[in-house]
């Protein structure tokens, strides 16, 4: 049997976001709603998830997502640098959310919360 070492930035994995981290999922979820720059991402994520991303976490995740081609940087608007989700990013987010839903359903069933 031949095993293949997965590169940390290998976007061919079905659920690439599993290894990318929560910040990446939050960023892609935010960008699924439209193009945003850094501060707008921080505010949107805080609004829908209650999570305050620091600049280091945000820009590290943006760099990683851009290298994975899950997002792309758009031309700067004055001092703002907007990003948008790519088709590959939308597919990766959907695969990750489907995976989370399966785990959530199993956990609810095992806790007796299936109908709640």
C-alpha atoms as a PDB file:
ATOM      1  CA  UNK A   1       0.000   0.000   0.000  1.00  0.00           C
ATOM      2  CA  UNK A   2       1.382   3.385  -0.972  1.00  0.00           C
ATOM      3  CA  UNK A   3       0.750   6.208   1.443  1.00  0.00           C
ATOM      4  CA  UNK A   4       0.861   9.799   0.411  1.00  0.00           C
ATOM      5  CA  UNK A   5       2.053  12.528   2.720  1.00  0.00           C
ATOM      6  CA  UNK A   6      -0.409  15.401   2.633  1.00  0.00           C
ATOM      7  CA  UNK A   7       1.162  18.791   2.227  1.00  0.00           C
ATOM      8  CA  UNK A   8      -0.276  21.333   4.658  1.00  0.00           C
ATOM      9  CA  UNK A   9      -1.391  23.445   1.703  1.00  0.00           C
ATOM     10  CA  UNK A  10      -2.781  20.587  -0.414  1.00  0.00           C
ATOM     11  CA  UNK A  11      -6.254  21.746  -1.471  1.00  0.00           C
ATOM     12  CA  UNK A  12      -7.142  18.406  -3.105  1.00  0.00           C
ATOM     13  CA  UNK A  13      -8.236  16.877   0.208  1.00  0.00           C
ATOM     14  CA  UNK A  14     -12.048  16.654   0.264  1.00  0.00           C
ATOM     15  CA  UNK A  15     -12.276  18.588   3.542  1.00  0.00           C
ATOM     16  CA  UNK A  16      -9.214  20.817   3.267  1.00  0.00           C
ATOM     17  CA  UNK A  17     -10.648  23.097   5.949  1.00  0.00           C
ATOM     18  CA  UNK A  18     -10.431  20.323   8.534  1.00  0.00           C
ATOM     19  CA  UNK A  19      -6.735  21.140   8.827  1.00  0.00           C
ATOM     20  CA  UNK A  20      -6.950  24.846   8.049  1.00  0.00           C
ATOM     21  CA  UNK A  21      -8.503  25.850  11.371  1.00  0.00           C
ATOM     22  CA  UNK A  22     -11.535  27.641  12.693  1.00  0.00           C
ATOM     23  CA  UNK A  23     -10.386  31.092  11.556  1.00  0.00           C
ATOM     24  CA  UNK A  24     -10.330  29.886   7.952  1.00  0.00           C
ATOM     25  CA  UNK A  25     -13.863  28.534   8.210  1.00  0.00           C
ATOM     26  CA  UNK A  26     -15.082  31.781   9.750  1.00  0.00           C
ATOM     27  CA  UNK A  27     -13.390  33.839   7.027  1.00  0.00           C
ATOM     28  CA  UNK A  28     -14.816  31.728   4.207  1.00  0.00           C
ATOM     29  CA  UNK A  29     -18.259  31.892   5.794  1.00  0.00           C
ATOM     30  CA  UNK A  30     -17.990  35.673   5.939  1.00  0.00           C
ATOM     31  CA  UNK A  31     -16.740  35.954   2.354  1.00  0.00           C
ATOM     32  CA  UNK A  32     -19.573  33.679   1.164  1.00  0.00           C
ATOM     33  CA  UNK A  33     -21.765  36.695   1.919  1.00  0.00           C
ATOM     34  CA  UNK A  34     -19.721  39.007  -0.288  1.00  0.00           C
ATOM     35  CA  UNK A  35     -16.377  40.709  -0.774  1.00  0.00           C
ATOM     36  CA  UNK A  36     -14.808  42.197   2.374  1.00  0.00           C
ATOM     37  CA  UNK A  37     -11.560  43.761   3.577  1.00  0.00           C
ATOM     38  CA  UNK A  38      -9.830  42.871   6.852  1.00  0.00           C
ATOM     39  CA  UNK A  39     -11.708  45.127   9.269  1.00  0.00           C
ATOM     40  CA  UNK A  40     -15.071  44.239   7.686  1.00  0.00           C
ATOM     41  CA  UNK A  41     -14.202  40.541   8.065  1.00  0.00           C
ATOM     42  CA  UNK A  42     -13.376  41.030  11.750  1.00  0.00           C
ATOM     43  CA  UNK A  43     -16.670  42.864  12.351  1.00  0.00           C
ATOM     44  CA  UNK A  44     -18.793  40.390  10.369  1.00  0.00           C
ATOM     45  CA  UNK A  45     -17.262  37.361  12.108  1.00  0.00           C
ATOM     46  CA  UNK A  46     -17.767  38.978  15.499  1.00  0.00           C
ATOM     47  CA  UNK A  47     -21.410  39.585  14.568  1.00  0.00           C
ATOM     48  CA  UNK A  48     -22.360  36.101  13.354  1.00  0.00           C
ATOM     49  CA  UNK A  49     -20.022  33.946  15.446  1.00  0.00           C
ATOM     50  CA  UNK A  50     -19.248  36.041  18.520  1.00  0.00           C
ATOM     51  CA  UNK A  51     -15.528  35.517  17.847  1.00  0.00           C
ATOM     52  CA  UNK A  52     -13.027  38.382  17.788  1.00  0.00           C
ATOM     53  CA  UNK A  53     -10.153  37.509  15.441  1.00  0.00           C
ATOM     54  CA  UNK A  54      -6.924  39.340  16.096  1.00  0.00           C
ATOM     55  CA  UNK A  55      -5.003  40.818  13.158  1.00  0.00           C
ATOM     56  CA  UNK A  56      -2.293  38.131  13.319  1.00  0.00           C
ATOM     57  CA  UNK A  57      -4.833  35.327  13.209  1.00  0.00           C
ATOM     58  CA  UNK A  58      -6.840  37.027  10.468  1.00  0.00           C
ATOM     59  CA  UNK A  59      -3.953  37.831   8.151  1.00  0.00           C
ATOM     60  CA  UNK A  60      -2.251  34.478   8.729  1.00  0.00           C
ATOM     61  CA  UNK A  61      -5.471  32.703   7.754  1.00  0.00           C
ATOM     62  CA  UNK A  62      -6.005  35.006   4.761  1.00  0.00           C
ATOM     63  CA  UNK A  63      -2.490  34.197   3.540  1.00  0.00           C
ATOM     64  CA  UNK A  64      -3.083  30.450   3.961  1.00  0.00           C
ATOM     65  CA  UNK A  65      -6.468  30.616   2.199  1.00  0.00           C
ATOM     66  CA  UNK A  66      -4.966  32.604  -0.650  1.00  0.00           C
ATOM     67  CA  UNK A  67      -2.135  30.055  -1.072  1.00  0.00           C
ATOM     68  CA  UNK A  68      -4.772  27.315  -1.186  1.00  0.00           C
ATOM     69  CA  UNK A  69      -6.623  29.375  -3.836  1.00  0.00           C
ATOM     70  CA  UNK A  70      -9.768  29.344  -1.702  1.00  0.00           C
ATOM     71  CA  UNK A  71      -9.873  33.152  -1.709  1.00  0.00           C
ATOM     72  CA  UNK A  72      -8.370  35.824  -3.890  1.00  0.00           C
ATOM     73  CA  UNK A  73      -7.201  39.330  -3.143  1.00  0.00           C
ATOM     74  CA  UNK A  74      -8.781  42.073  -5.201  1.00  0.00           C
ATOM     75  CA  UNK A  75      -7.166  45.392  -6.141  1.00  0.00           C
ATOM     76  CA  UNK A  76      -6.739  47.694  -3.151  1.00  0.00           C
ATOM     77  CA  UNK A  77      -9.309  50.407  -2.560  1.00  0.00           C
ATOM     78  CA  UNK A  78      -7.344  53.225  -0.928  1.00  0.00           C
ATOM     79  CA  UNK A  79      -5.912  51.521   2.181  1.00  0.00           C
ATOM     80  CA  UNK A  80      -8.365  48.621   2.127  1.00  0.00           C
ATOM     81  CA  UNK A  81      -7.438  45.262   0.631  1.00  0.00           C
ATOM     82  CA  UNK A  82     -10.618  43.324  -0.202  1.00  0.00           C
ATOM     83  CA  UNK A  83     -10.883  39.570  -0.638  1.00  0.00           C
ATOM     84  CA  UNK A  84     -13.460  37.311  -2.216  1.00  0.00           C
ATOM     85  CA  UNK A  85     -14.152  33.611  -2.006  1.00  0.00           C
ATOM     86  CA  UNK A  86     -13.296  31.544  -5.103  1.00  0.00           C
ATOM     87  CA  UNK A  87     -15.344  28.702  -6.573  1.00  0.00           C
ATOM     88  CA  UNK A  88     -12.870  26.278  -4.968  1.00  0.00           C
ATOM     89  CA  UNK A  89     -13.343  28.087  -1.650  1.00  0.00           C
ATOM     90  CA  UNK A  90     -17.114  27.785  -1.866  1.00  0.00           C
ATOM     91  CA  UNK A  91     -16.799  24.051  -2.623  1.00  0.00           C
ATOM     92  CA  UNK A  92     -14.363  23.557   0.284  1.00  0.00           C
ATOM     93  CA  UNK A  93     -16.651  25.447   2.670  1.00  0.00           C
ATOM     94  CA  UNK A  94     -19.652  23.385   1.601  1.00  0.00           C
ATOM     95  CA  UNK A  95     -17.744  20.103   2.068  1.00  0.00           C
ATOM     96  CA  UNK A  96     -16.604  21.228   5.516  1.00  0.00           C
ATOM     97  CA  UNK A  97     -20.090  22.335   6.578  1.00  0.00           C
ATOM     98  CA  UNK A  98     -21.535  19.011   5.370  1.00  0.00           C
ATOM     99  CA  UNK A  99     -18.933  17.209   7.492  1.00  0.00           C
ATOM    100  CA  UNK A 100     -19.768  19.321  10.552  1.00  0.00           C
ATOM    101  CA  UNK A 101     -23.476  18.631  10.064  1.00  0.00           C
ATOM    102  CA  UNK A 102     -22.840  14.861  10.005  1.00  0.00           C
ATOM    103  CA  UNK A 103     -20.845  15.060  13.237  1.00  0.00           C
ATOM    104  CA  UNK A 104     -23.451  17.304  14.846  1.00  0.00           C
ATOM    105  CA  UNK A 105     -26.273  14.940  13.896  1.00  0.00           C
ATOM    106  CA  UNK A 106     -24.394  11.943  15.311  1.00  0.00           C
ATOM    107  CA  UNK A 107     -23.611  13.807  18.525  1.00  0.00           C
ATOM    108  CA  UNK A 108     -27.218  14.946  18.972  1.00  0.00           C
ATOM    109  CA  UNK A 109     -28.493  11.419  18.339  1.00  0.00           C
ATOM    110  CA  UNK A 110     -26.081   9.935  20.878  1.00  0.00           C
ATOM    111  CA  UNK A 111     -27.034  12.550  23.466  1.00  0.00           C
ATOM    112  CA  UNK A 112     -30.733  11.888  22.887  1.00  0.00           C
ATOM    113  CA  UNK A 113     -31.214  15.336  21.355  1.00  0.00           C
ATOM    114  CA  UNK A 114     -32.089  14.180  17.839  1.00  0.00           C
ATOM    115  CA  UNK A 115     -35.510  15.862  17.712  1.00  0.00           C
ATOM    116  CA  UNK A 116     -34.446  19.059  19.463  1.00  0.00           C
END
